[in-house]
Protein backbone atom coordinates (compact mmCIF):
# COMPACT_ATOMS: atom_id res chain seq x y z
CA MET A 1 149.75 310.56 246.07
CA MET A 2 152.74 309.04 247.88
CA LYS A 3 153.27 309.52 251.60
CA HIS A 4 156.36 311.37 252.70
CA VAL A 5 156.66 309.58 256.01
CA PHE A 6 159.97 307.79 256.02
CA GLU A 7 163.14 308.89 257.84
CA ARG A 8 166.58 308.21 256.25
CA SER A 9 168.28 307.69 259.57
CA VAL A 10 166.99 304.13 260.04
CA LYS A 11 169.88 301.69 259.98
CA GLY A 12 170.16 298.86 257.45
CA SER A 13 169.95 296.09 260.10
CA VAL A 14 166.79 297.51 261.45
CA LEU A 15 165.29 297.70 257.97
CA ALA A 16 166.10 294.03 257.38
CA SER A 17 164.52 292.97 260.66
CA LEU A 18 161.42 295.02 259.99
CA LEU A 19 161.17 293.52 256.47
CA VAL A 20 161.36 289.94 257.75
CA ILE A 21 158.84 290.66 260.54
CA SER A 22 156.36 292.22 258.17
CA LEU A 23 156.60 289.30 255.71
CA VAL A 24 156.26 286.63 258.39
CA ALA A 25 153.27 288.49 259.90
CA GLY A 26 151.70 288.56 256.46
CA CYS A 27 151.10 292.32 256.25
CA SER A 28 147.99 293.42 254.34
CA ASN A 29 147.71 295.75 251.48
CA SER A 30 145.87 298.94 252.52
CA GLY A 31 144.68 299.78 249.01
CA GLU A 32 141.25 299.28 247.49
CA LYS A 33 140.53 295.62 246.75
CA PRO A 34 138.60 294.17 243.87
CA ALA A 35 135.50 292.10 244.36
CA VAL A 36 136.21 288.48 243.74
CA SER A 37 132.50 287.59 243.76
CA GLY A 38 129.20 289.29 243.69
CA GLY A 39 127.17 291.22 241.12
CA ASN A 40 128.27 292.58 237.86
CA GLU A 41 128.11 296.21 239.14
CA GLU A 42 130.99 295.37 241.58
CA LYS A 43 132.97 293.50 238.95
CA ASP A 44 132.72 296.36 236.48
CA LYS A 45 133.86 298.97 238.98
CA PRO A 46 137.40 300.18 238.11
CA VAL A 47 140.15 298.76 240.43
CA THR A 48 142.94 300.95 241.65
CA VAL A 49 146.42 299.37 241.39
CA LYS A 50 149.30 300.96 243.26
CA VAL A 51 152.48 300.84 241.10
CA PHE A 52 155.78 301.54 242.75
CA LYS A 53 158.77 303.02 240.79
CA SER A 54 161.78 305.03 241.84
CA HIS A 55 163.77 307.78 240.09
CA MET A 56 160.89 309.33 238.18
CA GLY A 57 162.74 312.46 237.08
CA VAL A 58 161.17 315.76 236.11
CA GLY A 59 157.36 316.19 236.27
CA THR A 60 154.32 315.82 238.54
CA ILE A 61 152.73 312.54 239.63
CA PRO A 62 149.41 312.20 237.75
CA ASP A 63 146.28 311.55 239.88
CA SER A 64 143.14 309.60 239.00
CA ASN A 65 141.65 312.56 237.20
CA ASN A 66 144.54 312.90 234.77
CA GLU A 67 143.70 312.25 231.13
CA HIS A 68 146.59 309.76 230.80
CA VAL A 69 145.29 307.72 233.78
CA LYS A 70 141.73 307.98 232.49
CA TYR A 71 142.72 306.60 229.09
CA VAL A 72 144.49 303.51 230.62
CA GLU A 73 141.50 303.00 232.86
CA GLU A 74 139.14 303.08 229.91
CA LYS A 75 141.15 300.45 228.06
CA THR A 76 141.91 298.13 231.09
CA GLY A 77 139.33 298.80 233.81
CA VAL A 78 142.33 299.57 236.07
CA VAL A 79 143.25 302.94 237.69
CA TYR A 80 147.04 303.34 237.58
CA GLU A 81 148.20 304.93 240.87
CA LEU A 82 151.83 305.77 240.60
CA ILE A 83 153.84 305.79 243.83
CA THR A 84 157.48 306.89 243.89
CA THR A 85 160.23 307.77 246.28
CA ALA A 86 160.00 310.83 248.56
CA PRO A 87 162.29 313.73 247.61
CA GLY A 88 165.81 313.23 248.96
CA SER A 89 165.14 309.65 250.08
CA GLU A 90 167.34 306.67 249.22
CA PRO A 91 165.23 304.42 246.97
CA THR A 92 166.23 301.03 248.45
CA GLU A 93 165.65 302.27 251.97
CA PHE A 94 162.30 303.82 250.94
CA LEU A 95 161.06 300.55 249.46
CA ASN A 96 162.19 298.53 252.47
CA LEU A 97 160.36 300.87 254.81
CA MET A 98 157.24 300.73 252.62
CA ILE A 99 157.27 297.00 252.94
CA ALA A 100 157.98 297.04 256.64
CA SER A 101 155.34 299.66 257.43
CA ASP A 102 152.41 297.63 256.06
CA ASP A 103 152.01 299.96 253.03
CA LEU A 104 152.79 297.66 250.19
CA PRO A 105 152.10 298.47 246.54
CA ASP A 106 150.19 296.09 244.39
CA ILE A 107 153.07 295.72 241.86
CA LEU A 108 156.57 297.10 242.26
CA ARG A 109 159.84 297.58 240.54
CA PRO A 110 162.36 295.97 242.93
CA ILE A 111 165.64 297.65 243.64
CA GLY A 112 168.64 296.89 245.83
CA GLY A 113 168.10 293.16 245.80
CA VAL A 114 164.68 293.48 247.55
CA GLU A 115 163.26 290.86 245.14
CA GLN A 116 165.43 288.09 246.62
CA THR A 117 164.43 289.04 250.20
CA LEU A 118 160.78 288.83 249.14
CA ILE A 119 161.27 285.53 247.37
CA LYS A 120 163.11 283.95 250.33
CA GLN A 121 160.54 285.09 252.82
CA GLY A 122 157.55 283.94 250.83
CA GLY A 123 156.57 287.53 250.06
CA ALA A 124 156.67 287.25 246.30
CA LEU A 125 153.82 285.82 244.24
CA PRO A 126 154.70 283.08 241.73
CA LEU A 127 153.69 284.28 238.24
CA ASP A 128 154.14 281.05 236.14
CA ASP A 129 150.44 280.46 235.72
CA LEU A 130 149.22 284.01 235.99
CA LEU A 131 151.27 285.57 233.23
CA PRO A 132 149.99 283.53 230.32
CA LYS A 133 146.39 284.04 231.54
CA TYR A 134 146.39 287.76 232.45
CA ALA A 135 149.37 289.17 230.64
CA PRO A 136 149.73 287.20 227.39
CA ASN A 137 151.60 290.04 225.66
CA VAL A 138 154.22 290.10 228.40
CA TRP A 139 154.47 286.31 228.28
CA LYS A 140 154.91 286.03 224.48
CA ASN A 141 157.09 289.09 223.85
CA ILE A 142 159.79 288.33 226.49
CA PRO A 143 162.17 285.70 225.05
CA GLU A 144 162.18 282.27 226.63
CA GLU A 145 165.89 282.62 227.45
CA ALA A 146 164.93 285.55 229.72
CA TRP A 147 162.28 283.43 231.49
CA ASP A 148 164.92 280.73 232.01
CA ILE A 149 167.28 283.19 233.60
CA VAL A 150 164.53 284.34 235.94
CA ARG A 151 163.81 280.72 236.90
CA SER A 152 167.46 280.24 237.65
CA ALA A 153 167.34 283.08 240.18
CA SER A 154 164.82 281.33 242.44
CA PRO A 155 165.48 278.32 244.70
CA ASP A 156 162.32 276.52 243.51
CA GLY A 157 162.61 277.39 239.78
CA HIS A 158 159.46 279.55 239.77
CA ILE A 159 159.00 282.90 237.94
CA TYR A 160 158.76 285.57 240.58
CA TYR A 161 159.33 288.64 238.50
CA VAL A 162 159.05 290.07 235.05
CA PRO A 163 162.57 290.77 233.71
CA LYS A 164 163.86 293.78 231.91
CA VAL A 165 164.85 292.93 228.31
CA PHE A 166 167.07 295.25 226.33
CA LEU A 167 168.39 293.64 223.17
CA VAL A 168 170.42 296.52 221.95
CA PRO A 169 173.37 298.14 223.75
CA GLU A 170 171.93 300.55 226.24
CA ARG A 171 174.93 302.74 227.07
CA ALA A 172 177.69 304.21 224.96
CA PRO A 173 180.89 306.31 225.20
CA MET A 174 180.18 309.68 223.60
CA ILE A 175 182.44 312.54 222.59
CA ARG A 176 181.95 316.03 221.23
CA GLN A 177 182.78 316.02 217.59
CA ASP A 178 182.72 319.79 217.34
CA TRP A 179 185.42 319.90 220.12
CA LEU A 180 187.54 317.43 218.10
CA ASP A 181 187.19 319.69 215.12
CA LYS A 182 188.14 322.76 217.03
CA VAL A 183 191.33 321.16 218.41
CA GLY A 184 192.15 319.60 215.00
CA MET A 185 192.07 316.02 216.13
CA SER A 186 190.30 312.76 215.10
CA LEU A 187 188.66 310.03 217.20
CA PRO A 188 191.31 308.38 219.30
CA LYS A 189 192.26 304.79 218.45
CA THR A 190 194.53 304.02 221.40
CA THR A 191 194.75 304.91 225.11
CA GLU A 192 197.62 307.34 224.41
CA GLU A 193 195.71 308.97 221.62
CA TYR A 194 192.76 309.39 223.97
CA LYS A 195 195.03 311.11 226.47
CA GLU A 196 196.24 313.43 223.74
CA VAL A 197 192.63 314.30 222.79
CA LEU A 198 191.76 314.92 226.49
CA ARG A 199 194.87 317.14 226.90
CA ALA A 200 193.77 319.23 223.92
CA PHE A 201 190.22 319.50 225.38
CA ARG A 202 191.87 320.73 228.66
CA ASP A 203 194.24 323.25 227.06
CA LYS A 204 192.80 324.54 223.77
CA ASP A 205 189.46 326.08 224.90
CA PRO A 206 187.17 324.01 222.61
CA ASN A 207 184.04 325.49 224.15
CA GLY A 208 185.30 328.84 223.04
CA ASN A 209 184.40 330.88 226.16
CA GLY A 210 187.99 332.04 226.83
CA LYS A 211 188.12 330.18 230.13
CA ALA A 212 190.13 327.18 231.17
CA ASP A 213 186.87 325.46 232.40
CA GLU A 214 186.81 322.37 230.15
CA LEU A 215 186.45 318.97 231.71
CA PRO A 216 187.95 316.51 229.26
CA THR A 217 185.98 313.59 230.70
CA THR A 218 183.97 313.20 233.88
CA GLY A 219 182.07 310.81 236.16
CA ARG A 220 179.95 310.76 239.25
CA GLU A 221 180.31 309.93 242.97
CA PHE A 222 181.47 306.42 243.75
CA GLY A 223 182.97 306.26 240.25
CA LYS A 224 179.67 305.87 238.52
CA TRP A 225 178.92 306.74 234.88
CA MET A 226 182.53 306.62 233.76
CA ASP A 227 182.29 303.04 232.55
CA HIS A 228 184.09 303.92 229.26
CA LEU A 229 187.38 304.28 231.21
CA PHE A 230 187.02 300.72 232.62
CA GLY A 231 185.63 299.29 229.38
CA ILE A 232 188.87 300.19 227.58
CA TYR A 233 190.49 297.46 229.61
CA GLY A 234 187.77 294.87 229.20
CA VAL A 235 186.23 295.48 232.69
CA ALA A 236 182.58 294.55 232.97
CA MET A 237 181.03 297.61 234.57
CA TRP A 238 177.45 298.76 235.06
CA GLU A 239 177.03 302.37 236.19
CA GLY A 240 180.27 302.16 238.12
CA VAL A 241 179.65 298.74 239.70
CA PRO A 242 181.86 295.80 238.76
CA GLU A 243 179.96 293.02 237.13
CA TRP A 244 180.70 289.35 236.39
CA ASP A 245 182.30 288.10 233.24
CA VAL A 246 184.70 285.40 232.02
CA TYR A 247 188.26 286.16 232.88
CA GLU A 248 191.04 283.51 232.52
CA GLY A 249 188.50 280.99 231.54
CA GLU A 250 186.08 281.34 234.47
CA ILE A 251 183.33 283.71 235.47
CA GLN A 252 184.75 286.21 238.01
CA TYR A 253 183.99 289.51 239.69
CA ALA A 254 185.55 292.05 237.37
CA GLY A 255 186.53 294.13 240.39
CA VAL A 256 189.31 291.85 241.42
CA THR A 257 190.88 291.14 237.97
CA LYS A 258 194.12 292.36 236.48
CA ASN A 259 191.91 294.23 234.01
CA MET A 260 190.53 296.26 236.83
CA LYS A 261 193.99 297.06 238.24
CA ALA A 262 195.14 298.28 234.76
CA ALA A 263 192.02 300.44 234.40
CA ILE A 264 192.47 302.03 237.78
CA ALA A 265 196.07 302.78 236.96
CA TYR A 266 195.00 304.55 233.77
CA ILE A 267 192.16 306.46 235.49
CA ARG A 268 194.60 307.54 238.18
CA GLU A 269 196.90 309.03 235.52
CA LEU A 270 193.93 310.87 233.96
CA TYR A 271 192.95 312.36 237.34
CA GLU A 272 196.57 313.39 238.12
CA GLU A 273 196.69 315.33 234.81
CA LYS A 274 193.25 316.85 235.38
CA LEU A 275 192.01 315.03 232.31
CA LEU A 276 189.32 313.45 234.51
CA ASP A 277 187.14 315.92 236.29
CA ASN A 278 188.72 316.24 239.74
CA GLU A 279 185.21 316.66 241.21
CA THR A 280 184.13 313.25 239.80
CA PHE A 281 183.86 311.59 243.20
CA LEU A 282 181.85 314.56 244.50
CA ASN A 283 179.45 314.93 241.53
CA LYS A 284 175.86 314.25 242.27
CA GLY A 285 173.72 313.32 239.32
CA ASP A 286 172.22 316.75 238.75
CA VAL A 287 175.65 318.44 238.93
CA TRP A 288 177.18 315.92 236.51
CA GLN A 289 174.33 316.45 234.09
CA ALA A 290 174.53 320.20 234.29
CA LYS A 291 178.30 320.11 233.42
CA ILE A 292 177.54 318.13 230.26
CA ASN A 293 174.50 320.33 229.36
CA ASN A 294 176.50 323.52 229.80
CA ASN A 295 179.20 322.61 227.35
CA LEU A 296 181.89 321.89 229.90
CA VAL A 297 182.46 318.19 229.07
CA GLY A 298 184.13 316.69 226.07
CA SER A 299 183.75 312.91 226.63
CA TRP A 300 181.31 310.94 228.77
CA TYR A 301 179.32 307.75 229.14
CA HIS A 302 175.52 307.54 229.11
CA LEU A 303 172.36 306.45 227.26
CA PRO A 304 172.14 307.47 223.61
CA ALA A 305 168.31 307.16 223.68
CA ASN A 306 168.18 309.86 226.35
CA LEU A 307 170.48 312.36 224.50
CA ARG A 308 167.71 314.58 223.15
CA ASP A 309 167.23 316.78 226.17
CA ARG A 310 170.89 316.98 226.98
CA TYR A 311 171.77 317.91 223.39
CA THR A 312 169.00 320.52 223.26
CA ALA A 313 170.53 322.19 226.27
CA MET A 314 173.96 322.09 224.72
CA LEU A 315 172.75 323.89 221.57
CA LYS A 316 171.70 326.91 223.67
CA GLY A 317 175.31 327.70 224.43
CA ALA A 318 176.98 325.95 221.41
CA PRO A 319 174.93 326.08 218.21
CA ASP A 320 177.45 323.93 216.37
CA ALA A 321 177.54 321.18 219.09
CA TYR A 322 177.53 317.68 217.75
CA VAL A 323 177.94 314.35 219.68
CA VAL A 324 179.28 311.07 218.19
CA GLY A 325 179.86 307.61 219.58
CA MET A 326 183.54 306.99 220.53
CA PRO A 327 184.85 303.52 219.62
CA MET A 328 186.74 302.04 222.52
CA PRO A 329 190.38 303.14 222.35
CA LYS A 330 192.71 300.13 222.21
CA ALA A 331 194.76 299.31 225.35
CA GLU A 332 197.69 297.06 224.60
CA GLY A 333 197.12 293.54 225.92
CA PHE A 334 193.37 294.03 226.54
CA GLU A 335 190.14 293.65 224.63
CA GLY A 336 187.90 296.57 225.39
CA PHE A 337 184.12 296.51 225.18
CA VAL A 338 180.88 298.22 226.05
CA THR A 339 179.15 296.20 228.72
CA GLN A 340 175.80 294.90 227.65
CA LYS A 341 173.16 293.42 229.89
CA SER A 342 170.20 292.20 227.93
CA MET A 343 167.96 290.24 230.13
CA GLY A 344 167.30 288.94 233.56
CA GLU A 345 167.26 292.12 235.71
CA PRO A 346 164.19 292.23 237.88
CA GLU A 347 161.68 294.70 236.49
CA TRP A 348 158.23 293.92 238.02
CA MET A 349 156.97 291.68 240.86
CA ILE A 350 153.83 291.30 242.87
CA PRO A 351 153.85 290.94 246.63
CA THR A 352 152.02 287.88 247.95
CA VAL A 353 149.84 290.05 250.05
CA ALA A 354 148.64 291.78 246.91
CA LYS A 355 147.46 288.40 245.43
CA GLU A 356 143.78 289.48 245.24
CA LYS A 357 144.80 292.29 242.85
CA ALA A 358 147.28 290.21 240.78
CA GLU A 359 144.85 289.82 237.92
CA TYR A 360 144.42 293.56 237.65
CA SER A 361 148.09 294.37 238.17
CA LEU A 362 148.99 292.01 235.31
CA LYS A 363 146.22 293.40 233.04
CA LEU A 364 147.68 296.83 233.65
CA LEU A 365 151.18 295.60 232.86
CA ASP A 366 149.96 293.79 229.74
CA PHE A 367 148.49 297.05 228.39
CA PHE A 368 152.00 298.48 228.08
CA TYR A 369 153.38 295.28 226.46
CA ASP A 370 150.59 295.27 223.80
CA GLN A 371 152.06 296.57 220.60
CA ALA A 372 148.59 297.91 219.69
CA ASN A 373 149.16 300.62 222.36
CA ASP A 374 152.69 301.57 221.22
CA GLU A 375 151.77 304.96 219.83
CA PHE A 376 149.91 305.98 223.03
CA ILE A 377 152.86 304.76 225.18
CA ARG A 378 155.37 306.75 223.13
CA PHE A 379 153.42 310.03 222.84
CA GLY A 380 150.87 310.08 225.67
CA ILE A 381 148.29 312.89 225.71
CA GLU A 382 148.42 315.99 223.53
CA GLY A 383 149.36 319.02 225.57
CA GLN A 384 150.79 316.85 228.36
CA GLN A 385 153.36 314.66 226.73
CA HIS A 386 153.29 315.74 223.05
CA GLU A 387 152.28 318.49 220.73
CA VAL A 388 151.25 318.27 217.11
CA VAL A 389 153.57 320.23 214.68
CA ASN A 390 152.72 320.27 211.01
CA GLY A 391 150.41 317.30 211.48
CA LYS A 392 153.14 315.26 213.30
CA LYS A 393 153.21 314.37 216.96
CA VAL A 394 156.32 315.72 218.71
CA VAL A 395 157.25 314.66 222.26
CA LEU A 396 157.53 317.54 224.69
CA PRO A 397 160.59 317.86 226.86
CA PRO A 398 159.95 317.06 230.52
CA GLU A 399 159.11 319.97 232.81
CA ASP A 400 158.32 320.22 236.53
CA SER A 401 154.84 321.48 235.70
CA ARG A 402 153.87 318.66 233.41
CA PRO A 403 152.60 315.25 234.49
CA ILE A 404 154.91 312.32 234.02
CA ALA A 405 153.88 309.92 231.28
CA LEU A 406 152.71 306.51 232.63
CA GLY A 407 154.74 303.56 231.53
CA MET A 408 155.65 300.01 232.60
CA ARG A 409 157.23 298.33 229.50
CA ASN A 410 160.93 297.70 229.65
CA LEU A 411 161.37 295.46 226.60
CA THR A 412 163.49 296.97 223.78
CA THR A 413 164.50 295.33 220.50
CA LYS A 414 166.44 296.95 217.72
CA GLU A 415 163.17 297.50 215.88
CA ASP A 416 161.66 299.14 218.99
CA MET A 417 164.73 301.47 219.23
CA ASP A 418 164.55 302.39 215.62
CA ILE A 419 160.94 303.28 215.98
CA ARG A 420 161.58 305.16 219.20
CA ILE A 421 164.31 307.25 217.62
CA LYS A 422 162.20 307.96 214.52
CA GLU A 423 159.08 308.98 216.49
CA THR A 424 160.42 310.62 219.64
CA ILE A 425 163.79 312.22 218.58
CA PRO A 426 163.63 315.39 216.55
CA GLU A 427 164.38 314.75 212.91
CA ASP A 428 167.61 316.79 212.86
CA MET A 429 169.02 314.65 215.75
CA GLN A 430 167.94 311.19 214.49
CA LYS A 431 171.04 310.43 212.46
CA MET A 432 173.28 311.48 215.35
CA VAL A 433 171.61 309.18 217.78
CA GLN A 434 171.47 306.31 215.32
CA ASP A 435 175.15 306.69 214.53
CA ILE A 436 175.98 306.49 218.24
CA PHE A 437 174.06 303.27 218.55
CA THR A 438 175.97 301.86 215.54
CA VAL A 439 179.29 302.58 217.15
CA SER A 440 178.28 301.14 220.61
CA THR A 441 176.76 298.05 219.00
CA ALA A 442 180.13 297.33 217.28
CA ASP A 443 181.88 297.44 220.65
CA ALA A 444 179.11 295.78 222.74
CA HIS A 445 179.76 292.54 224.67
CA ARG A 446 176.99 290.77 226.53
CA ILE A 447 178.61 289.74 229.78
CA ALA A 448 178.45 286.26 231.20
CA GLY A 449 176.91 287.52 234.45
CA ASP A 450 173.83 288.91 232.68
CA GLY A 451 170.91 287.95 234.95
CA LEU A 452 173.07 286.76 237.86
CA PRO A 453 170.77 286.70 240.94
CA ASN A 454 171.61 288.62 244.09
CA THR A 455 171.35 285.36 246.00
CA VAL A 456 175.02 284.78 245.30
CA TYR A 457 175.78 287.56 247.78
CA GLU A 458 173.63 286.09 250.59
CA GLY A 459 175.32 286.54 253.92
CA PHE A 460 177.90 288.97 252.49
CA PRO A 461 176.10 292.32 252.38
CA ASP A 462 179.40 294.30 252.36
CA ILE A 463 180.40 292.62 249.09
CA GLN A 464 176.99 293.08 247.59
CA SER A 465 177.10 296.84 248.29
CA HIS A 466 180.46 297.19 246.51
CA LYS A 467 181.45 299.72 249.12
CA LEU A 468 184.88 298.18 249.64
CA PHE A 469 185.59 298.42 245.95
CA GLN A 470 184.38 302.04 245.88
CA GLU A 471 186.62 302.92 248.80
CA TYR A 472 189.74 301.56 247.21
CA LEU A 473 188.86 302.90 243.74
CA THR A 474 188.36 306.45 245.01
CA LYS A 475 191.44 306.67 247.26
CA ILE A 476 193.78 305.06 244.68
CA VAL A 477 192.53 307.27 241.84
CA ILE A 478 192.79 310.57 243.81
CA GLY A 479 196.28 309.63 244.90
CA GLU A 480 195.57 309.18 248.57
CA TRP A 481 196.68 305.52 248.38
CA PRO A 482 199.26 303.93 245.98
CA LEU A 483 198.18 301.63 243.19
CA GLU A 484 199.71 298.69 245.18
CA LYS A 485 196.81 298.99 247.60
CA PHE A 486 194.61 297.26 244.98
CA ASP A 487 196.21 293.95 245.89
CA GLU A 488 195.23 294.51 249.43
CA PHE A 489 191.64 295.08 248.23
CA VAL A 490 191.62 291.77 246.37
CA ASP A 491 192.90 289.98 249.48
CA ARG A 492 190.28 291.63 251.70
CA TRP A 493 187.46 290.96 249.23
CA ASN A 494 188.27 287.24 249.03
CA LYS A 495 188.58 286.90 252.78
CA ALA A 496 185.32 288.86 253.34
CA GLY A 497 183.46 286.17 251.46
CA GLY A 498 184.44 286.78 247.88
CA ASP A 499 185.68 283.22 247.48
CA THR A 500 182.24 281.90 248.49
CA VAL A 501 180.40 284.32 246.24
CA THR A 502 182.58 283.42 243.31
CA LYS A 503 181.86 279.73 243.82
CA ARG A 504 178.10 280.49 243.80
CA ALA A 505 178.38 282.60 240.75
CA GLN A 506 180.24 279.83 238.94
CA GLU A 507 177.65 277.25 239.96
CA TRP A 508 174.87 279.53 238.62
CA TYR A 509 176.76 280.11 235.38
CA ALA A 510 177.19 276.36 234.86
CA LYS A 511 173.40 275.85 235.41
CA VAL A 512 172.48 278.58 232.94
CA LYS A 513 174.88 277.32 230.32
CA LYS A 514 173.16 273.95 230.36
């Protein structure tokens, strides 16, 4: 099980120093190591591979005696030891401290740009030759374009990580159709119509509880998970963080464009009229989710594939609840879209110091990319991850008492998604989810900055953190600062290194286009 040994008070600069020192010193992996030579008995002995992930959600961490772990071990000869963040810890800080404290996992999901730190310091293992040999399903199933993007993210052109590949739009604006019906309105087609719908949600008690508690639309702290409000104006956003796309003929940071200024102006108006939840910039994830689950929110932005549990919760208080995809309302002078990032985001990498276990780490990863194992991966173990109802496997909702299902695959095609919906979403919800994907697909736009490496931010951590943007966004939207302060933000961003970062992004884009 994971060690709860890290303190959140450590400063970022100290983390960075510790990280570099540990990498230069060549820290060793404290886990069990496989025999690289010797008798067959040693070679046949199962090898434990430590797998680091963050944000595991509800459920317990399975140990080596868990049936799920045992099944994977039987098929691969590898014991999957899941390590995740300590309760209340910040994931990036947790991972940096894990690296700095000589307690590296054997394979990890990098977050917060740590993959580039590892690559630059020689702490990441090149995978070019290892993937075809030990993970052939990973190698062949991930498109060549994705591998090319990964190569473009390293100074020597090597493959240092396995990328996430998501070939369907992952996120979508959603709206309560039952609320629209109750207020006698249709899906909004323009920004003004959207305002009128939100006003009706605010004033006409669509949840029917006799209280003026409806939140027409909502988001989370730092302006996260309200990307639909930016997307209306053609702003490339990913969970509240401005991305890179082509504006005025060149790839640019969406945060400093005229599109962003127009979006912020609109969001400010919504906030002023209490059409946007006025606790948006205070909402933690669990609070935000509870508001949606408890029938308080009319319009939001999230993952259609994860709607099942949220919708199930809604039905408890609103038996006629129904969710649909909302086409992007038209803003005059702008082309709205749902931001799509399909490939290139770092998903898995192996530290150099875990080189001796690389074969086993990749064999484990390959198990989850082998289509022959798809049914097991989707349904897990009966009684733990699924139950059988009328001869059909039905995925159980997550609970604190149940072990988390093991997984490593993050490759999704339309066919994968169709199968996932059919086999893991209750039959009476399947059309609803499929229809939402249809709407979001029509509005989806794969942005130019898909796969842009974090190296473009090197030397400019303040820009990489997006904190300057978040400060101006928050204070302008809540009315503490006037909209004109946005121009000051653009100037400060450029002077703080934005010009240099933009040049690097444009050079990368030119290389990728070739």
